[in-house]
């Protein structure tokens, strides 16, 4: 259900005054601030506990605002915007001179996208009509509305649980349909080098290739290289507080049984049928297709994290390109979850 017009008006007024507003996108809920206002952007970092050098993604009302935020925009950026915007694709471009360093983590690049959620678009377009904040740039910086490194929120209640009074207003647009963060594509190397995929998401490398005629490279960050830092690229991210382990499907029942015999209570996230559904009192089964699985992933992890178990056991997913984005999130979640806990199984 969409909020009344006065909720949008209130959100616009709060953004213009430098306050934080949470709102839904098609991917996850974002914690929004006027991206041209360094003081407002600083509130995002404080509320999330986010490192200052970790850049933010700026959300725009339309692709026509790209030139306010980026310079030397390659032709492929316009082609991709036409094909996928509004939608879950973030383009990394060379930043315009007026873009605050607080948004970019001090880099010479900026992440930009136009979200597809109708409520997000209503908010961004209303913001633009109202003058677009400082310098009239009409951009809203909006990382996921959760504590840094933790599970991204896909419902308004998740934002309230995570951030409480740090957010002046939460626009409730229901559950986010995509459920995982946007694909991030680096276009800063010019037309000679292929684009680099910095974070997988709903929009795949193959889909991008159909538009630009070349398959993006998969970035392999090495110390000292010049690959732009982007959201969600740390080894540990999207993580529950409960330890989490990935287990091959053929070993799932065995691991659950061993944990039970050792006196450990575990929660289970799977996509196939368990031989014994009573093996775990906390079980969430997600669809066996990558889109359906991604849509429910973060909500399921949150529920299992709140179940007060010793371990979350996650059935490994297929190792195919279609599952790349989900595999990325699960790998980072496992790395960041419940560090320092030693359990058998």
Foldseek 3Di string as FASTA:
>chain_A
DFDDPVQLVVVLVQQQVLAWEWEQFLAFIWTKHQQLDLSSLVLVCVLQVHDQLAAFEKAALACVLVVLFAPPDDPLVVLCRVVAPQHQEWEKHQTDPSGDCSRQSNDRIHIYHHTDDPNSNSNLVVNLVVQQHPPSSSIMTIDFLAHWQAAGHQFQVRNCVGRNPSHVYYGGPGGNQQQHHGWYWYPHPDDVDAIETQADGQQAQVNSCVRVVDRHHHDDDDPPDDDGRHPPRDLAGNAFQAAEDEDEPVCVLVQLVVQVVVVFAEAEEEADDDPDPPSHPHYDHFHLFQRRCSSCPSVSNVVRSVPPTRYYYYYDHDPDRRNVNVVSSNSNHNVHYNPPDDGDD
